[in-house]
Amino acid sequence: MSFPYDNERKNYNFDILRDKYMQLLIFQVLFAVKGYLTVMQKLVHQNLSFLCISLVTICVNFNLKTTERSFKKSIAKVSQTQYHGNKAAKQVIISTLPTSQNEVQI
């Protein structure tokens, strides 16, 4: 992955990086909704109890909240710091990448 570099300002353009994170977040939400609907369809089709449906709902909500929290922390790190060196910018970008296996990798 190449990092977006702004030649006019002579530094990395974090607006482009923020937009990529927004695209990833939207993709994750859509993927979670699709998975949720698929599981719900199978549970209803098999006439399973309301308890199972509630458990799936809680798991999906927890996953979305965790993803949103990590996304907000990443944007805060990028927004609050302005690095002008190549090495420092790469360190900030690498530290904000998703680390969990259930998160989408860039």
PDB file of N, CA and C in Angstrom:
ATOM      1  N   MET A   1       0.852  -1.181   0.000  1.00  0.00           N
ATOM      2  CA  MET A   1       0.000   0.000   0.000  1.00  0.00           C
ATOM      3  C   MET A   1       0.890   1.234   0.000  1.00  0.00           C
ATOM      4  N   SER A   2       0.630   2.134  -0.926  1.00  0.00           N
ATOM      5  CA  SER A   2       1.387   3.383  -0.940  1.00  0.00           C
ATOM      6  C   SER A   2       0.600   4.439  -0.165  1.00  0.00           C
ATOM      7  N   PHE A   3       1.304   5.252   0.567  1.00  0.00           N
ATOM      8  CA  PHE A   3       0.655   6.258   1.384  1.00  0.00           C
ATOM      9  C   PHE A   3       0.457   7.528   0.555  1.00  0.00           C
ATOM     10  N   PRO A   4      -0.706   8.185   0.699  1.00  0.00           N
ATOM     11  CA  PRO A   4      -0.976   9.397  -0.097  1.00  0.00           C
ATOM     12  C   PRO A   4      -0.051  10.540   0.300  1.00  0.00           C
ATOM     13  N   TYR A   5       0.682  11.059  -0.666  1.00  0.00           N
ATOM     14  CA  TYR A   5       1.647  12.125  -0.393  1.00  0.00           C
ATOM     15  C   TYR A   5       1.212  13.383  -1.136  1.00  0.00           C
ATOM     16  N   ASP A   6       1.129  14.494  -0.424  1.00  0.00           N
ATOM     17  CA  ASP A   6       0.726  15.767  -1.000  1.00  0.00           C
ATOM     18  C   ASP A   6       1.984  16.566  -1.346  1.00  0.00           C
ATOM     19  N   ASN A   7       2.240  16.748  -2.644  1.00  0.00           N
ATOM     20  CA  ASN A   7       3.459  17.434  -3.081  1.00  0.00           C
ATOM     21  C   ASN A   7       3.454  18.920  -2.728  1.00  0.00           C
ATOM     22  N   GLU A   8       2.281  19.550  -2.708  1.00  0.00           N
ATOM     23  CA  GLU A   8       2.223  20.976  -2.402  1.00  0.00           C
ATOM     24  C   GLU A   8       2.600  21.258  -0.952  1.00  0.00           C
ATOM     25  N   ARG A   9       2.086  20.435  -0.037  1.00  0.00           N
ATOM     26  CA  ARG A   9       2.362  20.659   1.386  1.00  0.00           C
ATOM     27  C   ARG A   9       3.610  19.908   1.861  1.00  0.00           C
ATOM     28  N   LYS A  10       4.160  19.073   1.010  1.00  0.00           N
ATOM     29  CA  LYS A  10       5.349  18.279   1.341  1.00  0.00           C
ATOM     30  C   LYS A  10       5.138  17.385   2.559  1.00  0.00           C
ATOM     31  N   ASN A  11       3.967  16.794   2.657  1.00  0.00           N
ATOM     32  CA  ASN A  11       3.706  15.823   3.725  1.00  0.00           C
ATOM     33  C   ASN A  11       2.616  14.859   3.277  1.00  0.00           C
ATOM     34  N   TYR A  12       2.287  13.928   4.131  1.00  0.00           N
ATOM     35  CA  TYR A  12       1.273  12.942   3.806  1.00  0.00           C
ATOM     36  C   TYR A  12      -0.117  13.536   4.012  1.00  0.00           C
ATOM     37  N   ASN A  13      -1.005  13.265   3.062  1.00  0.00           N
ATOM     38  CA  ASN A  13      -2.351  13.815   3.091  1.00  0.00           C
ATOM     39  C   ASN A  13      -3.255  12.875   3.893  1.00  0.00           C
ATOM     40  N   PHE A  14      -3.535  13.244   5.137  1.00  0.00           N
ATOM     41  CA  PHE A  14      -4.325  12.387   6.006  1.00  0.00           C
ATOM     42  C   PHE A  14      -5.817  12.450   5.693  1.00  0.00           C
ATOM     43  N   ASP A  15      -6.261  13.446   4.894  1.00  0.00           N
ATOM     44  CA  ASP A  15      -7.664  13.491   4.483  1.00  0.00           C
ATOM     45  C   ASP A  15      -7.998  12.284   3.612  1.00  0.00           C
ATOM     46  N   ILE A  16      -7.063  11.922   2.736  1.00  0.00           N
ATOM     47  CA  ILE A  16      -7.280  10.757   1.883  1.00  0.00           C
ATOM     48  C   ILE A  16      -7.331   9.495   2.736  1.00  0.00           C
ATOM     49  N   LEU A  17      -6.457   9.404   3.719  1.00  0.00           N
ATOM     50  CA  LEU A  17      -6.441   8.246   4.607  1.00  0.00           C
ATOM     51  C   LEU A  17      -7.746   8.158   5.406  1.00  0.00           C
ATOM     52  N   ARG A  18      -8.242   9.303   5.871  1.00  0.00           N
ATOM     53  CA  ARG A  18      -9.509   9.320   6.617  1.00  0.00           C
ATOM     54  C   ARG A  18     -10.656   8.836   5.726  1.00  0.00           C
ATOM     55  N   ASP A  19     -10.656   9.249   4.449  1.00  0.00           N
ATOM     56  CA  ASP A  19     -11.695   8.799   3.526  1.00  0.00           C
ATOM     57  C   ASP A  19     -11.642   7.286   3.315  1.00  0.00           C
ATOM     58  N   LYS A  20     -10.425   6.741   3.261  1.00  0.00           N
ATOM     59  CA  LYS A  20     -10.287   5.288   3.113  1.00  0.00           C
ATOM     60  C   LYS A  20     -10.830   4.571   4.347  1.00  0.00           C
ATOM     61  N   TYR A  21     -10.578   5.124   5.525  1.00  0.00           N
ATOM     62  CA  TYR A  21     -11.123   4.525   6.743  1.00  0.00           C
ATOM     63  C   TYR A  21     -12.648   4.581   6.742  1.00  0.00           C
ATOM     64  N   MET A  22     -13.214   5.668   6.255  1.00  0.00           N
ATOM     65  CA  MET A  22     -14.676   5.764   6.176  1.00  0.00           C
ATOM     66  C   MET A  22     -15.230   4.696   5.241  1.00  0.00           C
ATOM     67  N   GLN A  23     -14.557   4.475   4.113  1.00  0.00           N
ATOM     68  CA  GLN A  23     -14.998   3.438   3.190  1.00  0.00           C
ATOM     69  C   GLN A  23     -14.934   2.069   3.852  1.00  0.00           C
ATOM     70  N   LEU A  24     -13.871   1.809   4.615  1.00  0.00           N
ATOM     71  CA  LEU A  24     -13.754   0.534   5.315  1.00  0.00           C
ATOM     72  C   LEU A  24     -14.852   0.371   6.356  1.00  0.00           C
ATOM     73  N   LEU A  25     -15.160   1.447   7.077  1.00  0.00           N
ATOM     74  CA  LEU A  25     -16.202   1.366   8.100  1.00  0.00           C
ATOM     75  C   LEU A  25     -17.555   1.071   7.467  1.00  0.00           C
ATOM     76  N   ILE A  26     -17.858   1.747   6.361  1.00  0.00           N
ATOM     77  CA  ILE A  26     -19.123   1.499   5.662  1.00  0.00           C
ATOM     78  C   ILE A  26     -19.179   0.056   5.167  1.00  0.00           C
ATOM     79  N   PHE A  27     -18.055  -0.432   4.614  1.00  0.00           N
ATOM     80  CA  PHE A  27     -18.000  -1.812   4.149  1.00  0.00           C
ATOM     81  C   PHE A  27     -18.249  -2.788   5.292  1.00  0.00           C
ATOM     82  N   GLN A  28     -17.654  -2.529   6.456  1.00  0.00           N
ATOM     83  CA  GLN A  28     -17.836  -3.413   7.601  1.00  0.00           C
ATOM     84  C   GLN A  28     -19.280  -3.420   8.084  1.00  0.00           C
ATOM     85  N   VAL A  29     -19.916  -2.257   8.088  1.00  0.00           N
ATOM     86  CA  VAL A  29     -21.315  -2.188   8.516  1.00  0.00           C
ATOM     87  C   VAL A  29     -22.196  -2.980   7.554  1.00  0.00           C
ATOM     88  N   LEU A  30     -21.977  -2.784   6.249  1.00  0.00           N
ATOM     89  CA  LEU A  30     -22.773  -3.521   5.271  1.00  0.00           C
ATOM     90  C   LEU A  30     -22.532  -5.027   5.374  1.00  0.00           C
ATOM     91  N   PHE A  31     -21.278  -5.418   5.575  1.00  0.00           N
ATOM     92  CA  PHE A  31     -20.946  -6.833   5.713  1.00  0.00           C
ATOM     93  C   PHE A  31     -21.605  -7.416   6.961  1.00  0.00           C
ATOM     94  N   ALA A  32     -21.594  -6.674   8.074  1.00  0.00           N
ATOM     95  CA  ALA A  32     -22.208  -7.151   9.314  1.00  0.00           C
ATOM     96  C   ALA A  32     -23.719  -7.285   9.159  1.00  0.00           C
ATOM     97  N   VAL A  33     -24.348  -6.323   8.473  1.00  0.00           N
ATOM     98  CA  VAL A  33     -25.800  -6.388   8.259  1.00  0.00           C
ATOM     99  C   VAL A  33     -26.149  -7.586   7.387  1.00  0.00           C
ATOM    100  N   LYS A  34     -25.355  -7.818   6.347  1.00  0.00           N
ATOM    101  CA  LYS A  34     -25.610  -8.960   5.475  1.00  0.00           C
ATOM    102  C   LYS A  34     -25.485 -10.268   6.248  1.00  0.00           C
ATOM    103  N   GLY A  35     -24.423 -10.385   7.059  1.00  0.00           N
ATOM    104  CA  GLY A  35     -24.250 -11.592   7.872  1.00  0.00           C
ATOM    105  C   GLY A  35     -25.368 -11.760   8.886  1.00  0.00           C
ATOM    106  N   TYR A  36     -25.774 -10.646   9.488  1.00  0.00           N
ATOM    107  CA  TYR A  36     -26.865 -10.681  10.465  1.00  0.00           C
ATOM    108  C   TYR A  36     -28.153 -11.178   9.815  1.00  0.00           C
ATOM    109  N   LEU A  37     -28.464 -10.650   8.641  1.00  0.00           N
ATOM    110  CA  LEU A  37     -29.696 -11.061   7.958  1.00  0.00           C
ATOM    111  C   LEU A  37     -29.635 -12.523   7.528  1.00  0.00           C
ATOM    112  N   THR A  38     -28.477 -12.976   7.098  1.00  0.00           N
ATOM    113  CA  THR A  38     -28.325 -14.381   6.706  1.00  0.00           C
ATOM    114  C   THR A  38     -28.549 -15.307   7.898  1.00  0.00           C
ATOM    115  N   VAL A  39     -27.935 -14.976   9.030  1.00  0.00           N
ATOM    116  CA  VAL A  39     -28.097 -15.800  10.235  1.00  0.00           C
ATOM    117  C   VAL A  39     -29.544 -15.763  10.708  1.00  0.00           C
ATOM    118  N   MET A  40     -30.151 -14.579  10.694  1.00  0.00           N
ATOM    119  CA  MET A  40     -31.554 -14.464  11.125  1.00  0.00           C
ATOM    120  C   MET A  40     -32.464 -15.306  10.236  1.00  0.00           C
ATOM    121  N   GLN A  41     -32.208 -15.288   8.945  1.00  0.00           N
ATOM    122  CA  GLN A  41     -33.035 -16.069   8.020  1.00  0.00           C
ATOM    123  C   GLN A  41     -32.917 -17.562   8.334  1.00  0.00           C
ATOM    124  N   LYS A  42     -31.696 -18.023   8.615  1.00  0.00           N
ATOM    125  CA  LYS A  42     -31.507 -19.441   8.943  1.00  0.00           C
ATOM    126  C   LYS A  42     -32.144 -19.796  10.282  1.00  0.00           C
ATOM    127  N   LEU A  43     -32.034 -18.890  11.273  1.00  0.00           N
ATOM    128  CA  LEU A  43     -32.622 -19.168  12.578  1.00  0.00           C
ATOM    129  C   LEU A  43     -34.146 -19.230  12.506  1.00  0.00           C
ATOM    130  N   VAL A  44     -34.724 -18.282  11.780  1.00  0.00           N
ATOM    131  CA  VAL A  44     -36.189 -18.273  11.657  1.00  0.00           C
ATOM    132  C   VAL A  44     -36.649 -19.483  10.860  1.00  0.00           C
ATOM    133  N   HIS A  45     -35.898 -19.831   9.831  1.00  0.00           N
ATOM    134  CA  HIS A  45     -36.261 -20.983   8.994  1.00  0.00           C
ATOM    135  C   HIS A  45     -36.255 -22.274   9.808  1.00  0.00           C
ATOM    136  N   GLN A  46     -35.332 -22.398  10.741  1.00  0.00           N
ATOM    137  CA  GLN A  46     -35.230 -23.618  11.551  1.00  0.00           C
ATOM    138  C   GLN A  46     -36.082 -23.540  12.817  1.00  0.00           C
ATOM    139  N   ASN A  47     -36.842 -22.456  12.974  1.00  0.00           N
ATOM    140  CA  ASN A  47     -37.731 -22.276  14.131  1.00  0.00           C
ATOM    141  C   ASN A  47     -36.983 -22.388  15.458  1.00  0.00           C
ATOM    142  N   LEU A  48     -35.818 -21.744  15.549  1.00  0.00           N
ATOM    143  CA  LEU A  48     -35.069 -21.755  16.803  1.00  0.00           C
ATOM    144  C   LEU A  48     -35.626 -20.703  17.756  1.00  0.00           C
ATOM    145  N   SER A  49     -35.224 -20.807  18.989  1.00  0.00           N
ATOM    146  CA  SER A  49     -35.813 -19.977  20.035  1.00  0.00           C
ATOM    147  C   SER A  49     -35.404 -18.511  19.935  1.00  0.00           C
ATOM    148  N   PHE A  50     -36.158 -17.668  20.600  1.00  0.00           N
ATOM    149  CA  PHE A  50     -35.894 -16.231  20.640  1.00  0.00           C
ATOM    150  C   PHE A  50     -34.570 -15.947  21.325  1.00  0.00           C
ATOM    151  N   LEU A  51     -34.152 -16.821  22.231  1.00  0.00           N
ATOM    152  CA  LEU A  51     -32.893 -16.644  22.947  1.00  0.00           C
ATOM    153  C   LEU A  51     -31.706 -16.669  21.980  1.00  0.00           C
ATOM    154  N   CYS A  52     -31.711 -17.567  21.019  1.00  0.00           N
ATOM    155  CA  CYS A  52     -30.632 -17.638  20.030  1.00  0.00           C
ATOM    156  C   CYS A  52     -30.595 -16.377  19.180  1.00  0.00           C
ATOM    157  N   ILE A  53     -31.756 -15.889  18.784  1.00  0.00           N
ATOM    158  CA  ILE A  53     -31.826 -14.672  17.969  1.00  0.00           C
ATOM    159  C   ILE A  53     -31.286 -13.481  18.757  1.00  0.00           C
ATOM    160  N   SER A  54     -31.620 -13.390  20.031  1.00  0.00           N
ATOM    161  CA  SER A  54     -31.116 -12.308  20.872  1.00  0.00           C
ATOM    162  C   SER A  54     -29.598 -12.381  21.031  1.00  0.00           C
ATOM    163  N   LEU A  55     -29.079 -13.577  21.183  1.00  0.00           N
ATOM    164  CA  LEU A  55     -27.632 -13.753  21.320  1.00  0.00           C
ATOM    165  C   LEU A  55     -26.890 -13.288  20.067  1.00  0.00           C
ATOM    166  N   VAL A  56     -27.408 -13.628  18.902  1.00  0.00           N
ATOM    167  CA  VAL A  56     -26.786 -13.183  17.643  1.00  0.00           C
ATOM    168  C   VAL A  56     -26.835 -11.668  17.549  1.00  0.00           C
ATOM    169  N   THR A  57     -27.955 -11.063  17.928  1.00  0.00           N
ATOM    170  CA  THR A  57     -28.096  -9.610  17.893  1.00  0.00           C
ATOM    171  C   THR A  57     -27.069  -8.932  18.795  1.00  0.00           C
ATOM    172  N   ILE A  58     -26.873  -9.454  19.996  1.00  0.00           N
ATOM    173  CA  ILE A  58     -25.903  -8.883  20.937  1.00  0.00           C
ATOM    174  C   ILE A  58     -24.489  -8.987  20.368  1.00  0.00           C
ATOM    175  N   CYS A  59     -24.144 -10.123  19.783  1.00  0.00           N
ATOM    176  CA  CYS A  59     -22.793 -10.309  19.219  1.00  0.00           C
ATOM    177  C   CYS A  59     -22.535  -9.331  18.087  1.00  0.00           C
ATOM    178  N   VAL A  60     -23.491  -9.147  17.195  1.00  0.00           N
ATOM    179  CA  VAL A  60     -23.324  -8.230  16.069  1.00  0.00           C
ATOM    180  C   VAL A  60     -23.185  -6.796  16.570  1.00  0.00           C
ATOM    181  N   ASN A  61     -24.007  -6.403  17.538  1.00  0.00           N
ATOM    182  CA  ASN A  61     -23.922  -5.047  18.081  1.00  0.00           C
ATOM    183  C   ASN A  61     -22.576  -4.801  18.749  1.00  0.00           C
ATOM    184  N   PHE A  62     -22.076  -5.775  19.489  1.00  0.00           N
ATOM    185  CA  PHE A  62     -20.784  -5.627  20.152  1.00  0.00           C
ATOM    186  C   PHE A  62     -19.665  -5.471  19.126  1.00  0.00           C
ATOM    187  N   ASN A  63     -19.709  -6.265  18.062  1.00  0.00           N
ATOM    188  CA  ASN A  63     -18.690  -6.185  17.016  1.00  0.00           C
ATOM    189  C   ASN A  63     -18.699  -4.816  16.346  1.00  0.00           C
ATOM    190  N   LEU A  64     -19.871  -4.270  16.054  1.00  0.00           N
ATOM    191  CA  LEU A  64     -19.955  -2.958  15.414  1.00  0.00           C
ATOM    192  C   LEU A  64     -19.458  -1.857  16.345  1.00  0.00           C
ATOM    193  N   LYS A  65     -19.798  -1.939  17.636  1.00  0.00           N
ATOM    194  CA  LYS A  65     -19.332  -0.920  18.583  1.00  0.00           C
ATOM    195  C   LYS A  65     -17.818  -0.963  18.742  1.00  0.00           C
ATOM    196  N   THR A  66     -17.243  -2.168  18.786  1.00  0.00           N
ATOM    197  CA  THR A  66     -15.795  -2.307  18.903  1.00  0.00           C
ATOM    198  C   THR A  66     -15.099  -1.735  17.674  1.00  0.00           C
ATOM    199  N   THR A  67     -15.639  -2.030  16.506  1.00  0.00           N
ATOM    200  CA  THR A  67     -15.063  -1.516  15.259  1.00  0.00           C
ATOM    201  C   THR A  67     -15.156   0.002  15.213  1.00  0.00           C
ATOM    202  N   GLU A  68     -16.300   0.544  15.604  1.00  0.00           N
ATOM    203  CA  GLU A  68     -16.477   1.997  15.590  1.00  0.00           C
ATOM    204  C   GLU A  68     -15.518   2.674  16.572  1.00  0.00           C
ATOM    205  N   ARG A  69     -15.335   2.067  17.749  1.00  0.00           N
ATOM    206  CA  ARG A  69     -14.439   2.640  18.748  1.00  0.00           C
ATOM    207  C   ARG A  69     -12.998   2.663  18.228  1.00  0.00           C
ATOM    208  N   SER A  70     -12.541   1.571  17.624  1.00  0.00           N
ATOM    209  CA  SER A  70     -11.173   1.535  17.105  1.00  0.00           C
ATOM    210  C   SER A  70     -11.015   2.503  15.939  1.00  0.00           C
ATOM    211  N   PHE A  71     -12.069   2.671  15.144  1.00  0.00           N
ATOM    212  CA  PHE A  71     -12.019   3.619  14.031  1.00  0.00           C
ATOM    213  C   PHE A  71     -11.883   5.052  14.547  1.00  0.00           C
ATOM    214  N   LYS A  72     -12.648   5.405  15.577  1.00  0.00           N
ATOM    215  CA  LYS A  72     -12.572   6.760  16.132  1.00  0.00           C
ATOM    216  C   LYS A  72     -11.193   7.036  16.731  1.00  0.00           C
ATOM    217  N   LYS A  73     -10.607   6.044  17.400  1.00  0.00           N
ATOM    218  CA  LYS A  73      -9.268   6.223  17.959  1.00  0.00           C
ATOM    219  C   LYS A  73      -8.247   6.434  16.845  1.00  0.00           C
ATOM    220  N   SER A  74      -8.396   5.712  15.758  1.00  0.00           N
ATOM    221  CA  SER A  74      -7.456   5.836  14.642  1.00  0.00           C
ATOM    222  C   SER A  74      -7.527   7.224  14.024  1.00  0.00           C
ATOM    223  N   ILE A  75      -8.740   7.704  13.805  1.00  0.00           N
ATOM    224  CA  ILE A  75      -8.906   9.036  13.212  1.00  0.00           C
ATOM    225  C   ILE A  75      -8.357  10.101  14.157  1.00  0.00           C
ATOM    226  N   ALA A  76      -8.564   9.919  15.461  1.00  0.00           N
ATOM    227  CA  ALA A  76      -8.049  10.900  16.424  1.00  0.00           C
ATOM    228  C   ALA A  76      -6.530  10.950  16.379  1.00  0.00           C
ATOM    229  N   LYS A  77      -5.890   9.793  16.276  1.00  0.00           N
ATOM    230  CA  LYS A  77      -4.420   9.773  16.199  1.00  0.00           C
ATOM    231  C   LYS A  77      -3.925  10.497  14.960  1.00  0.00           C
ATOM    232  N   VAL A  78      -4.576  10.246  13.828  1.00  0.00           N
ATOM    233  CA  VAL A  78      -4.133  10.863  12.580  1.00  0.00           C
ATOM    234  C   VAL A  78      -4.423  12.360  12.585  1.00  0.00           C
ATOM    235  N   SER A  79      -5.584  12.752  13.116  1.00  0.00           N
ATOM    236  CA  SER A  79      -5.971  14.159  13.094  1.00  0.00           C
ATOM    237  C   SER A  79      -5.146  15.014  14.056  1.00  0.00           C
ATOM    238  N   GLN A  80      -4.778  14.465  15.209  1.00  0.00           N
ATOM    239  CA  GLN A  80      -4.101  15.263  16.227  1.00  0.00           C
ATOM    240  C   GLN A  80      -2.612  15.437  15.967  1.00  0.00           C
ATOM    241  N   THR A  81      -2.057  14.598  15.137  1.00  0.00           N
ATOM    242  CA  THR A  81      -0.610  14.684  14.908  1.00  0.00           C
ATOM    243  C   THR A  81      -0.327  15.059  13.472  1.00  0.00           C
ATOM    244  N   GLN A  82       0.620  15.929  13.260  1.00  0.00           N
ATOM    245  CA  GLN A  82       1.023  16.324  11.918  1.00  0.00           C
ATOM    246  C   GLN A  82       2.515  16.048  11.783  1.00  0.00           C
ATOM    247  N   TYR A  83       2.813  14.963  11.116  1.00  0.00           N
ATOM    248  CA  TYR A  83       4.199  14.582  10.929  1.00  0.00           C
ATOM    249  C   TYR A  83       4.664  15.017   9.538  1.00  0.00           C
ATOM    250  N   HIS A  84       5.901  15.432   9.444  1.00  0.00           N
ATOM    251  CA  HIS A  84       6.444  15.854   8.159  1.00  0.00           C
ATOM    252  C   HIS A  84       7.553  14.941   7.664  1.00  0.00           C
ATOM    253  N   GLY A  85       7.926  13.957   8.450  1.00  0.00           N
ATOM    254  CA  GLY A  85       8.992  13.048   8.034  1.00  0.00           C
ATOM    255  C   GLY A  85       8.419  11.751   7.519  1.00  0.00           C
ATOM    256  N   ASN A  86       9.116  11.126   6.615  1.00  0.00           N
ATOM    257  CA  ASN A  86       8.673   9.875   6.018  1.00  0.00           C
ATOM    258  C   ASN A  86       8.526   8.781   7.064  1.00  0.00           C
ATOM    259  N   LYS A  87       9.519   8.607   7.916  1.00  0.00           N
ATOM    260  CA  LYS A  87       9.499   7.546   8.922  1.00  0.00           C
ATOM    261  C   LYS A  87       8.390   7.782   9.949  1.00  0.00           C
ATOM    262  N   ALA A  88       8.239   9.007  10.416  1.00  0.00           N
ATOM    263  CA  ALA A  88       7.220   9.314  11.428  1.00  0.00           C
ATOM    264  C   ALA A  88       5.819   9.107  10.865  1.00  0.00           C
ATOM    265  N   ALA A  89       5.596   9.504   9.628  1.00  0.00           N
ATOM    266  CA  ALA A  89       4.270   9.342   9.023  1.00  0.00           C
ATOM    267  C   ALA A  89       3.926   7.868   8.879  1.00  0.00           C
ATOM    268  N   LYS A  90       4.887   7.062   8.481  1.00  0.00           N
ATOM    269  CA  LYS A  90       4.628   5.633   8.361  1.00  0.00           C
ATOM    270  C   LYS A  90       4.311   5.018   9.721  1.00  0.00           C
ATOM    271  N   GLN A  91       4.970   5.467  10.778  1.00  0.00           N
ATOM    272  CA  GLN A  91       4.696   4.930  12.113  1.00  0.00           C
ATOM    273  C   GLN A  91       3.272   5.245  12.546  1.00  0.00           C
ATOM    274  N   VAL A  92       2.803   6.443  12.265  1.00  0.00           N
ATOM    275  CA  VAL A  92       1.429   6.815  12.632  1.00  0.00           C
ATOM    276  C   VAL A  92       0.441   5.977  11.843  1.00  0.00           C
ATOM    277  N   ILE A  93       0.680   5.831  10.550  1.00  0.00           N
ATOM    278  CA  ILE A  93      -0.252   5.080   9.707  1.00  0.00           C
ATOM    279  C   ILE A  93      -0.273   3.614  10.117  1.00  0.00           C
ATOM    280  N   ILE A  94       0.871   3.025  10.360  1.00  0.00           N
ATOM    281  CA  ILE A  94       0.925   1.618  10.752  1.00  0.00           C
ATOM    282  C   ILE A  94       0.251   1.406  12.104  1.00  0.00           C
ATOM    283  N   SER A  95       0.403   2.352  13.032  1.00  0.00           N
ATOM    284  CA  SER A  95      -0.206   2.178  14.353  1.00  0.00           C
ATOM    285  C   SER A  95      -1.722   2.308  14.304  1.00  0.00           C
ATOM    286  N   THR A  96      -2.278   2.867  13.230  1.00  0.00           N
ATOM    287  CA  THR A  96      -3.728   3.025  13.157  1.00  0.00           C
ATOM    288  C   THR A  96      -4.392   1.951  12.311  1.00  0.00           C
ATOM    289  N   LEU A  97      -3.638   1.044  11.728  1.00  0.00           N
ATOM    290  CA  LEU A  97      -4.246  -0.002  10.924  1.00  0.00           C
ATOM    291  C   LEU A  97      -5.009  -0.971  11.818  1.00  0.00           C
ATOM    292  N   PRO A  98      -6.119  -1.544  11.310  1.00  0.00           N
ATOM    293  CA  PRO A  98      -6.867  -2.526  12.091  1.00  0.00           C
ATOM    294  C   PRO A  98      -5.991  -3.738  12.415  1.00  0.00           C
ATOM    295  N   THR A  99      -6.100  -4.253  13.639  1.00  0.00           N
ATOM    296  CA  THR A  99      -5.253  -5.369  14.043  1.00  0.00           C
ATOM    297  C   THR A  99      -6.046  -6.647  14.267  1.00  0.00           C
ATOM    298  N   SER A 100      -7.314  -6.552  14.527  1.00  0.00           N
ATOM    299  CA  SER A 100      -8.114  -7.725  14.815  1.00  0.00           C
ATOM    300  C   SER A 100      -8.382  -8.501  13.534  1.00  0.00           C
ATOM    301  N   GLN A 101      -8.559  -9.816  13.658  1.00  0.00           N
ATOM    302  CA  GLN A 101      -8.803 -10.634  12.476  1.00  0.00           C
ATOM    303  C   GLN A 101     -10.170 -10.380  11.884  1.00  0.00           C
ATOM    304  N   ASN A 102     -11.140  -9.931  12.684  1.00  0.00           N
ATOM    305  CA  ASN A 102     -12.464  -9.699  12.139  1.00  0.00           C
ATOM    306  C   ASN A 102     -12.616  -8.327  11.507  1.00  0.00           C
ATOM    307  N   GLU A 103     -11.549  -7.517  11.506  1.00  0.00           N
ATOM    308  CA  GLU A 103     -11.590  -6.228  10.862  1.00  0.00           C
ATOM    309  C   GLU A 103     -10.987  -6.346   9.469  1.00  0.00           C
ATOM    310  N   VAL A 104     -11.423  -5.510   8.576  1.00  0.00           N
ATOM    311  CA  VAL A 104     -10.957  -5.554   7.196  1.00  0.00           C
ATOM    312  C   VAL A 104      -9.541  -5.013   7.134  1.00  0.00           C
ATOM    313  N   GLN A 105      -8.652  -5.724   6.473  1.00  0.00           N
ATOM    314  CA  GLN A 105      -7.276  -5.279   6.311  1.00  0.00           C
ATOM    315  C   GLN A 105      -7.144  -4.464   5.038  1.00  0.00           C
ATOM    316  N   ILE A 106      -6.304  -3.449   5.076  1.00  0.00           N
ATOM    317  CA  ILE A 106      -6.078  -2.610   3.895  1.00  0.00           C
ATOM    318  C   ILE A 106      -5.150  -3.333   2.942  1.00  0.00           C
TER     319      ILE A 106
END
